[in-house]
């Protein structure tokens, strides 16, 4: 089975990073993953140059939204800047011809009704001009998370299904997050497909921690706590492009690609 496998790389020169790994796709941030400042293009040729060079090289680009984006929260001082930041990153990712923008599901506060968070997701989708697929990613920890547990993921997708652009919302399945979040990898692909109807991207990562630990700590393949056959089975069953967010640089990633390809 041939599945395109790439990695999360530094944003300065994603094309060179892809070539160093002989990868057909790469994922990166545009700007500070922990800041509200907005997207920046570190690539020497700017957005236009990155788009043209990626197309010429036949490399698919994926952009990861900043970690701080939380459109589900009831806290206006976080939700409103998060919506603005999300739109900015949608625009920026679209300008480089990215295949998708990945965003975490976010969370509500401890005493909040989760239903408010689900509806805030609907409002965010309705308020955002989705110029490319927005891929919501499952997360590893937190009892108040919107996309840690399958039932919550279902509620998010139910809420946004009434939004006009719901067909532009997809799903990114992270194996470390699923394992650490307490979702059985044996069935997670079928479970997610039943809920969302689709899996657009897989973040394939081993986990340094045990099942249902709630800890988001990635490991290189075979060095963590996820059964190797299960990890490969998720990728095989999902049949979607793969981004490895495993530790290290080109050498470690290339080794991870080979490890995974051997088991597919």
Protein backbone atom coordinates (compact mmCIF):
# COMPACT_ATOMS: atom_id res chain seq x y z
CA UNK A 1 0.00 0.00 0.00
CA UNK A 2 1.36 3.42 -0.94
CA UNK A 3 0.41 6.28 1.36
CA UNK A 4 2.14 9.67 1.00
CA UNK A 5 4.24 10.22 4.15
CA UNK A 6 5.77 13.52 5.22
CA UNK A 7 6.71 15.36 8.38
CA UNK A 8 6.20 18.52 10.39
CA UNK A 9 9.17 20.74 9.52
CA UNK A 10 10.67 24.15 10.17
CA UNK A 11 8.86 26.93 8.31
CA UNK A 12 11.96 28.73 6.98
CA UNK A 13 12.33 26.51 3.90
CA UNK A 14 9.70 23.74 3.76
CA UNK A 15 10.75 22.79 0.20
CA UNK A 16 14.34 22.07 1.29
CA UNK A 17 13.02 20.19 4.32
CA UNK A 18 10.79 18.04 2.09
CA UNK A 19 13.71 17.29 -0.24
CA UNK A 20 15.97 16.37 2.69
CA UNK A 21 13.41 13.74 3.66
CA UNK A 22 12.46 12.78 0.09
CA UNK A 23 8.90 13.53 1.21
CA UNK A 24 5.94 14.36 -1.05
CA UNK A 25 4.34 16.55 1.63
CA UNK A 26 5.25 18.66 4.64
CA UNK A 27 3.42 20.47 7.44
CA UNK A 28 4.60 23.63 9.18
CA UNK A 29 3.51 26.71 11.10
CA UNK A 30 3.18 30.15 9.57
CA UNK A 31 4.52 32.38 12.33
CA UNK A 32 4.48 31.84 16.10
CA UNK A 33 2.51 28.74 17.22
CA UNK A 34 2.02 30.31 20.66
CA UNK A 35 1.21 33.91 19.70
CA UNK A 36 -1.71 36.03 18.52
CA UNK A 37 0.49 38.16 16.25
CA UNK A 38 -0.79 36.55 13.07
CA UNK A 39 0.82 34.55 10.26
CA UNK A 40 4.25 35.36 8.87
CA UNK A 41 6.05 33.92 5.85
CA UNK A 42 9.61 32.95 6.73
CA UNK A 43 10.26 31.57 3.23
CA UNK A 44 12.67 33.78 1.29
CA UNK A 45 10.32 33.99 -1.70
CA UNK A 46 7.31 34.90 0.44
CA UNK A 47 3.87 33.37 -0.05
CA UNK A 48 3.91 33.54 -3.85
CA UNK A 49 7.38 32.02 -4.07
CA UNK A 50 6.49 29.21 -1.67
CA UNK A 51 3.36 28.37 -3.64
CA UNK A 52 5.19 28.37 -6.98
CA UNK A 53 8.20 26.41 -5.70
CA UNK A 54 6.01 23.79 -4.01
CA UNK A 55 3.96 23.31 -7.17
CA UNK A 56 7.11 23.04 -9.29
CA UNK A 57 8.58 20.46 -6.89
CA UNK A 58 5.32 18.50 -6.64
CA UNK A 59 5.23 18.92 -2.84
CA UNK A 60 1.93 19.22 -0.97
CA UNK A 61 1.82 21.77 1.84
CA UNK A 62 -0.20 21.59 5.06
CA UNK A 63 -0.33 24.38 7.64
CA UNK A 64 -0.89 23.87 11.36
CA UNK A 65 -2.77 26.70 13.06
CA UNK A 66 -1.29 28.10 16.28
CA UNK A 67 -1.84 25.96 19.37
CA UNK A 68 -3.51 28.86 21.18
CA UNK A 69 -6.49 28.98 18.82
CA UNK A 70 -9.54 28.02 20.91
CA UNK A 71 -12.81 28.93 19.21
CA UNK A 72 -14.84 26.76 21.63
CA UNK A 73 -14.13 28.68 24.84
CA UNK A 74 -16.67 30.86 26.63
CA UNK A 75 -13.89 33.35 27.43
CA UNK A 76 -14.38 36.22 24.97
CA UNK A 77 -10.81 37.42 25.47
CA UNK A 78 -9.62 34.12 23.99
CA UNK A 79 -12.47 33.19 21.64
CA UNK A 80 -12.64 36.46 19.70
CA UNK A 81 -8.86 36.72 19.04
CA UNK A 82 -8.91 32.98 18.20
CA UNK A 83 -11.54 33.50 15.51
CA UNK A 84 -9.56 36.39 14.05
CA UNK A 85 -6.36 34.32 14.11
CA UNK A 86 -8.14 31.37 12.50
CA UNK A 87 -9.33 33.54 9.59
CA UNK A 88 -5.84 35.00 9.17
CA UNK A 89 -4.32 31.52 8.98
CA UNK A 90 -7.02 30.29 6.59
CA UNK A 91 -6.16 33.22 4.30
CA UNK A 92 -2.40 32.69 4.64
CA UNK A 93 -2.60 28.92 4.09
CA UNK A 94 -4.83 29.43 1.04
CA UNK A 95 -2.35 31.95 -0.38
CA UNK A 96 0.40 29.30 -0.53
CA UNK A 97 -1.92 26.67 -2.01
CA UNK A 98 -2.00 24.53 1.13
CA UNK A 99 -4.10 21.38 1.04
CA UNK A 100 -5.52 22.05 4.49
CA UNK A 101 -5.24 24.01 7.74
CA UNK A 102 -5.10 21.84 10.86
CA UNK A 103 -6.61 23.23 14.07
CA UNK A 104 -7.02 21.72 17.53
CA UNK A 105 -10.51 21.22 18.92
CA UNK A 106 -10.04 23.51 21.92
CA UNK A 107 -11.87 23.30 25.23
CA UNK A 108 -14.31 25.00 27.57
CA UNK A 109 -13.70 26.00 31.18
CA UNK A 110 -14.18 23.55 34.03
CA UNK A 111 -17.65 24.69 35.08
CA UNK A 112 -18.98 25.38 31.59
CA UNK A 113 -21.66 23.39 29.81
CA UNK A 114 -19.85 21.64 26.92
CA UNK A 115 -22.89 22.37 24.71
CA UNK A 116 -21.78 26.02 24.60
CA UNK A 117 -18.42 24.92 23.20
CA UNK A 118 -20.05 22.83 20.48
CA UNK A 119 -22.23 25.75 19.46
CA UNK A 120 -19.23 28.08 19.50
CA UNK A 121 -17.65 25.78 16.94
CA UNK A 122 -20.72 26.19 14.73
CA UNK A 123 -20.54 29.96 15.10
CA UNK A 124 -16.83 29.94 14.24
CA UNK A 125 -17.42 27.95 11.05
CA UNK A 126 -20.22 30.29 10.04
CA UNK A 127 -18.04 33.35 10.76
CA UNK A 128 -14.97 32.11 8.86
CA UNK A 129 -14.47 32.31 5.10
CA UNK A 130 -13.10 28.82 4.51
CA UNK A 131 -10.92 29.18 1.43
CA UNK A 132 -9.44 25.71 1.96
CA UNK A 133 -10.28 22.59 4.00
CA UNK A 134 -10.20 23.15 7.77
CA UNK A 135 -9.11 19.93 9.45
CA UNK A 136 -10.15 19.63 13.10
CA UNK A 137 -7.68 17.51 15.08
CA UNK A 138 -8.40 15.28 18.07
CA UNK A 139 -6.49 16.21 21.22
CA UNK A 140 -4.93 14.18 24.02
CA UNK A 141 -5.82 15.75 27.35
CA UNK A 142 -8.31 17.66 29.42
CA UNK A 143 -11.72 16.66 30.74
CA UNK A 144 -13.25 19.74 29.11
CA UNK A 145 -11.70 19.19 25.68
CA UNK A 146 -13.94 19.35 22.63
CA UNK A 147 -12.17 16.61 20.65
CA UNK A 148 -10.50 14.23 23.11
CA UNK A 149 -13.37 11.74 23.38
CA UNK A 150 -15.37 10.32 20.49
CA UNK A 151 -18.74 11.46 21.84
CA UNK A 152 -17.45 15.05 22.03
CA UNK A 153 -16.08 14.86 18.48
CA UNK A 154 -19.54 13.71 17.46
CA UNK A 155 -21.15 16.70 19.18
CA UNK A 156 -18.75 19.13 17.45
CA UNK A 157 -19.52 17.68 14.02
CA UNK A 158 -23.25 17.57 14.76
CA UNK A 159 -23.15 21.25 15.71
CA UNK A 160 -21.23 22.38 12.63
CA UNK A 161 -23.27 20.21 10.25
CA UNK A 162 -25.86 23.00 10.00
CA UNK A 163 -23.23 25.59 9.03
CA UNK A 164 -23.13 26.61 5.39
CA UNK A 165 -19.47 25.61 4.89
CA UNK A 166 -19.61 22.32 6.80
CA UNK A 167 -18.46 20.45 3.67
CA UNK A 168 -15.12 22.29 3.95
CA UNK A 169 -14.54 20.96 7.47
CA UNK A 170 -12.59 17.72 7.67
CA UNK A 171 -10.76 15.68 10.27
CA UNK A 172 -7.12 15.09 11.21
CA UNK A 173 -6.60 11.94 13.27
CA UNK A 174 -3.58 12.03 15.59
CA UNK A 175 -2.52 8.56 16.78
CA UNK A 176 -0.64 9.75 19.90
CA UNK A 177 -3.58 11.94 20.91
CA UNK A 178 -6.08 9.12 20.31
CA UNK A 179 -4.02 6.68 22.41
CA UNK A 180 -3.32 9.17 25.22
CA UNK A 181 -6.91 10.40 25.05
CA UNK A 182 -8.28 6.93 25.77
CA UNK A 183 -9.61 5.99 22.33
CA UNK A 184 -8.96 2.40 21.22
CA UNK A 185 -6.72 2.43 18.17
CA UNK A 186 -8.14 -0.95 17.16
CA UNK A 187 -11.41 0.75 16.18
CA UNK A 188 -10.63 4.48 16.05
CA UNK A 189 -10.61 4.80 12.25
CA UNK A 190 -14.08 3.24 11.92
CA UNK A 191 -15.29 5.16 14.98
CA UNK A 192 -14.14 8.51 13.58
CA UNK A 193 -15.47 7.80 10.08
CA UNK A 194 -18.85 6.91 11.56
CA UNK A 195 -18.89 10.30 13.31
CA UNK A 196 -17.30 12.63 10.76
CA UNK A 197 -17.71 10.73 7.50
CA UNK A 198 -14.07 11.35 6.65
CA UNK A 199 -10.41 11.32 7.65
CA UNK A 200 -8.42 13.80 5.58
CA UNK A 201 -5.02 13.54 7.27
CA UNK A 202 -3.27 11.33 9.81
CA UNK A 203 -0.75 12.67 12.31
CA UNK A 204 1.16 9.45 12.89
CA UNK A 205 3.04 9.63 16.19
CA UNK A 206 4.08 7.12 18.80
CA UNK A 207 3.37 8.08 22.42
CA UNK A 208 5.78 8.31 25.34
CA UNK A 209 2.88 7.71 27.73
CA UNK A 210 0.31 5.04 28.50
CA UNK A 211 -3.20 4.65 27.11
CA UNK A 212 -5.66 7.25 28.49
CA UNK A 213 -2.83 9.14 30.23
CA UNK A 214 -4.00 12.48 28.83
CA UNK A 215 -0.37 13.35 28.08
CA UNK A 216 0.61 14.76 24.68
CA UNK A 217 4.22 13.63 24.30
CA UNK A 218 5.23 12.23 20.92
CA UNK A 219 7.84 9.52 20.37
CA UNK A 220 9.59 8.08 17.33
CA UNK A 221 8.06 4.90 15.95
CA UNK A 222 8.86 1.83 18.01
CA UNK A 223 10.24 3.95 20.89
CA UNK A 224 6.88 4.64 22.55
CA UNK A 225 3.95 2.85 24.16
CA UNK A 226 1.79 2.20 21.10
CA UNK A 227 1.79 -1.30 19.63
CA UNK A 228 3.66 -1.07 16.28
CA UNK A 229 1.08 -3.18 14.44
CA UNK A 230 -1.72 -0.95 15.71
CA UNK A 231 0.08 2.20 14.61
CA UNK A 232 0.52 0.81 11.10
CA UNK A 233 -3.05 -0.48 11.02
CA UNK A 234 -4.45 3.00 11.73
CA UNK A 235 -2.48 4.45 8.82
CA UNK A 236 -3.49 1.58 6.55
CA UNK A 237 -7.19 1.76 7.48
CA UNK A 238 -7.38 5.55 7.26
CA UNK A 239 -5.83 5.61 3.78
CA UNK A 240 -5.10 9.34 4.11
CA UNK A 241 -1.86 11.32 3.71
CA UNK A 242 0.42 11.07 6.75
CA UNK A 243 2.35 13.72 8.65
CA UNK A 244 4.88 12.47 11.20
CA UNK A 245 5.26 14.89 14.09
CA UNK A 246 7.96 12.76 15.68
CA UNK A 247 11.11 14.11 17.37
CA UNK A 248 14.29 14.90 15.43
CA UNK A 249 15.27 16.15 12.03
CA UNK A 250 15.61 14.71 8.54
CA UNK A 251 17.55 11.60 9.61
CA UNK A 252 15.08 10.62 12.34
CA UNK A 253 12.09 11.34 10.13
CA UNK A 254 13.50 9.32 7.24
CA UNK A 255 13.99 6.40 9.63
CA UNK A 256 10.39 6.78 10.83
CA UNK A 257 9.12 6.83 7.23
CA UNK A 258 11.01 3.61 6.47
CA UNK A 259 9.73 1.96 9.67
CA UNK A 260 6.15 2.82 8.77
CA UNK A 261 6.40 1.99 5.06
CA UNK A 262 7.80 -1.44 5.91
CA UNK A 263 4.68 -2.23 7.95
CA UNK A 264 2.16 -0.98 5.42
